[in-house]
Amino acid sequence: MGEERSEFLPPRPAGPEPELGPPPTPVAPPVSEYLPPQQAQPAAAAYAPQAPRAAQAAQAAQPDNGQAVAGFVLSLVAGGLLLISGGLSSIVSIACSIFGIVYSRKGRRRVSAGETTKNAGLAQAGFIIGIVSLVLSVLATIFWILIAVLVATDDEFRRDFEDQLDDRNTITAVARIALACGRALVA
């Protein structure tokens, strides 16, 4: 059995065929005699390879402000975690908000020192969100410690607490627990 060979040629590229041969050599312009010696360039220097523009742009770029970004993210995580968990993660939120405040301050210092102008708004926002998250986290920690102490020491509060948690409606249960906590503080 003989194998049939089909000869396949790829399609021809569009456009004219390239000219074969050596590339034309650039002609150096004559050096002007009226230029001062420091401005006159030798012919070889005029055609020296230049650095790509991307490399020039990278040299002129400002340094990043990673501290500002880290501070903003940590502060935002602290506040979000606090809200999502209903205050039960307040210890973790306190740690995240403290680190967020510290890193945001470092980012603000870099901007004020003139090292960079990048992420100045993130540094400011991270600082403010960090302080708000810290205050709310401390308040949530005090609230949950108070609830734990009242459950451990007050029998009536413990019974009310257990009765309220037995209900299926948790929103009203939390409101009733808060009212019972307020009553216990007043008494």
Protein backbone atom coordinates (compact mmCIF):
# COMPACT_ATOMS: atom_id res chain seq x y z
CA MET A 1 0.00 0.00 0.00
CA GLY A 2 1.40 3.29 -0.93
CA GLU A 3 0.95 6.38 1.13
CA GLU A 4 -0.58 9.26 -0.62
CA ARG A 5 1.19 12.50 -0.02
CA SER A 6 -0.65 15.69 -0.22
CA GLU A 7 1.38 18.76 -0.46
CA PHE A 8 -0.08 21.58 1.49
CA LEU A 9 1.25 25.06 1.31
CA PRO A 10 0.23 27.71 3.81
CA PRO A 11 -1.56 30.76 2.46
CA ARG A 12 0.57 33.63 1.27
CA PRO A 13 0.87 36.56 3.69
CA ALA A 14 -0.87 39.77 2.75
CA GLY A 15 1.15 42.65 1.47
CA PRO A 16 4.25 42.96 -0.65
CA GLU A 17 7.11 40.55 -0.28
CA PRO A 18 9.97 41.77 1.84
CA GLU A 19 13.08 42.85 0.07
CA LEU A 20 16.02 40.65 0.69
CA GLY A 21 19.36 42.20 1.21
CA PRO A 22 21.28 44.17 3.80
CA PRO A 23 19.41 46.90 5.67
CA PRO A 24 20.28 50.42 4.70
CA THR A 25 22.89 52.01 6.90
CA PRO A 26 21.95 55.28 8.55
CA VAL A 27 23.87 58.29 7.45
CA ALA A 28 25.17 60.39 10.30
CA PRO A 29 24.35 64.06 10.02
CA PRO A 30 27.35 66.31 10.03
CA VAL A 31 28.24 67.87 13.33
CA SER A 32 27.49 71.56 13.31
CA GLU A 33 30.43 73.82 13.90
CA TYR A 34 28.39 76.60 15.47
CA LEU A 35 27.37 74.46 18.52
CA PRO A 36 29.39 74.84 21.69
CA PRO A 37 31.65 71.86 22.43
CA GLN A 38 29.47 70.53 25.29
CA GLN A 39 26.43 70.32 22.97
CA ALA A 40 28.16 68.81 19.99
CA GLN A 41 27.70 65.06 19.79
CA PRO A 42 29.91 62.69 17.91
CA ALA A 43 28.19 60.90 15.06
CA ALA A 44 28.35 57.52 16.84
CA ALA A 45 26.61 58.91 19.95
CA ALA A 46 23.70 60.22 17.89
CA TYR A 47 22.84 56.68 16.79
CA ALA A 48 23.64 54.86 20.02
CA PRO A 49 20.89 52.51 21.20
CA GLN A 50 18.55 54.18 23.62
CA ALA A 51 16.86 52.63 26.63
CA PRO A 52 13.26 51.57 26.04
CA ARG A 53 10.63 54.05 27.16
CA ALA A 54 9.13 51.55 29.62
CA ALA A 55 12.42 51.42 31.50
CA GLN A 56 12.52 55.21 31.60
CA ALA A 57 8.96 55.30 32.94
CA ALA A 58 9.84 52.72 35.61
CA GLN A 59 12.74 54.87 36.78
CA ALA A 60 10.49 57.91 37.08
CA ALA A 61 7.70 56.01 38.89
CA GLN A 62 7.05 56.80 42.53
CA PRO A 63 7.55 54.15 45.19
CA ASP A 64 4.47 52.29 46.32
CA ASN A 65 2.85 53.00 49.65
CA GLY A 66 2.16 49.47 50.83
CA GLN A 67 1.69 50.53 54.44
CA ALA A 68 -1.28 52.69 53.48
CA VAL A 69 -2.93 49.83 51.61
CA ALA A 70 -2.24 47.35 54.42
CA GLY A 71 -3.62 49.74 57.02
CA PHE A 72 -6.79 50.33 55.02
CA VAL A 73 -7.36 46.61 54.46
CA LEU A 74 -6.74 45.69 58.12
CA SER A 75 -9.05 48.44 59.35
CA LEU A 76 -11.75 47.40 56.90
CA VAL A 77 -11.41 43.74 57.90
CA ALA A 78 -11.69 44.69 61.57
CA GLY A 79 -14.91 46.62 61.03
CA GLY A 80 -16.43 44.06 58.68
CA LEU A 81 -15.59 41.14 60.93
CA LEU A 82 -17.08 42.95 63.90
CA LEU A 83 -20.34 43.65 62.06
CA ILE A 84 -20.67 40.21 60.51
CA SER A 85 -20.02 38.35 63.77
CA GLY A 86 -22.27 40.60 65.84
CA GLY A 87 -19.39 41.56 68.10
CA LEU A 88 -18.35 38.01 68.96
CA SER A 89 -15.02 38.46 67.18
CA SER A 90 -14.24 41.65 69.04
CA ILE A 91 -10.82 40.51 70.27
CA VAL A 92 -9.68 39.74 66.72
CA SER A 93 -11.23 43.01 65.54
CA ILE A 94 -9.30 44.92 68.21
CA ALA A 95 -6.02 43.42 67.00
CA CYS A 96 -6.81 44.08 63.32
CA SER A 97 -7.88 47.66 63.99
CA ILE A 98 -4.74 48.42 66.03
CA PHE A 99 -2.52 47.08 63.25
CA GLY A 100 -4.64 48.99 60.72
CA ILE A 101 -4.13 52.24 62.62
CA VAL A 102 -0.37 51.66 62.92
CA TYR A 103 0.11 50.85 59.24
CA SER A 104 -2.12 53.72 58.14
CA ARG A 105 -0.05 56.13 60.23
CA LYS A 106 3.13 54.80 58.60
CA GLY A 107 1.55 55.36 55.17
CA ARG A 108 0.51 58.90 56.13
CA ARG A 109 4.04 59.64 57.33
CA ARG A 110 5.50 58.52 54.00
CA VAL A 111 3.14 60.87 52.19
CA SER A 112 3.84 63.80 54.51
CA ALA A 113 7.61 63.19 54.27
CA GLY A 114 7.37 63.50 50.49
CA GLU A 115 8.57 59.95 49.77
CA THR A 116 5.45 59.23 47.72
CA THR A 117 2.03 60.61 46.96
CA LYS A 118 0.46 57.24 46.23
CA ASN A 119 -2.48 56.03 48.31
CA ALA A 120 -2.67 59.11 50.53
CA GLY A 121 -6.47 58.77 50.60
CA LEU A 122 -6.27 55.10 51.58
CA ALA A 123 -3.94 55.96 54.44
CA GLN A 124 -6.37 58.59 55.76
CA ALA A 125 -9.41 56.32 55.31
CA GLY A 126 -7.62 53.39 56.97
CA PHE A 127 -6.73 55.55 59.94
CA ILE A 128 -10.32 56.76 60.43
CA ILE A 129 -11.91 53.34 59.88
CA GLY A 130 -9.34 51.82 62.24
CA ILE A 131 -10.25 54.22 65.04
CA VAL A 132 -14.00 53.64 64.55
CA SER A 133 -13.46 49.86 64.44
CA LEU A 134 -11.32 49.99 67.57
CA VAL A 135 -13.94 51.94 69.54
CA LEU A 136 -16.75 49.61 68.41
CA SER A 137 -14.64 46.54 69.15
CA VAL A 138 -13.87 47.71 72.67
CA LEU A 139 -17.55 48.43 73.28
CA ALA A 140 -18.53 44.99 71.94
CA THR A 141 -15.90 43.33 74.15
CA ILE A 142 -17.24 45.13 77.23
CA PHE A 143 -20.80 44.14 76.27
CA TRP A 144 -19.99 40.43 75.87
CA ILE A 145 -17.89 40.34 79.05
CA LEU A 146 -20.80 41.93 80.90
CA ILE A 147 -23.19 39.32 79.49
CA ALA A 148 -20.83 36.51 80.54
CA VAL A 149 -20.45 37.90 84.06
CA LEU A 150 -24.22 38.34 84.44
CA VAL A 151 -24.91 34.81 83.20
CA ALA A 152 -22.32 33.43 85.62
CA THR A 153 -23.41 35.39 88.69
CA ASP A 154 -27.12 36.24 88.45
CA ASP A 155 -29.54 33.28 88.51
CA GLU A 156 -32.54 35.32 87.36
CA PHE A 157 -30.57 36.77 84.44
CA ARG A 158 -29.35 33.26 83.51
CA ARG A 159 -32.93 31.93 83.46
CA ASP A 160 -34.09 34.90 81.35
CA PHE A 161 -31.13 34.38 79.06
CA GLU A 162 -31.87 30.68 78.60
CA ASP A 163 -35.58 31.34 78.09
CA GLN A 164 -34.88 33.97 75.46
CA LEU A 165 -32.49 31.70 73.59
CA ASP A 166 -35.11 28.94 73.53
CA ASP A 167 -37.36 31.19 71.42
CA ARG A 168 -37.08 30.83 67.69
CA ASN A 169 -37.05 34.57 67.07
CA THR A 170 -33.41 35.51 67.73
CA ILE A 171 -33.74 39.23 66.96
CA THR A 172 -36.27 39.75 69.72
CA ALA A 173 -34.19 37.46 71.95
CA VAL A 174 -31.15 39.68 71.52
CA ALA A 175 -33.25 42.79 72.24
CA ARG A 176 -34.68 41.18 75.39
CA ILE A 177 -31.19 40.17 76.52
CA ALA A 178 -30.02 43.75 76.06
CA LEU A 179 -33.00 45.00 78.12
CA ALA A 180 -32.31 42.44 80.83
CA CYS A 181 -28.68 43.51 80.84
CA GLY A 182 -29.75 47.11 81.30
CA ARG A 183 -32.09 46.12 84.16
CA ALA A 184 -29.26 44.24 85.85
CA LEU A 185 -26.98 47.26 85.59
CA VAL A 186 -29.57 49.54 87.11
CA ALA A 187 -30.40 47.15 89.97
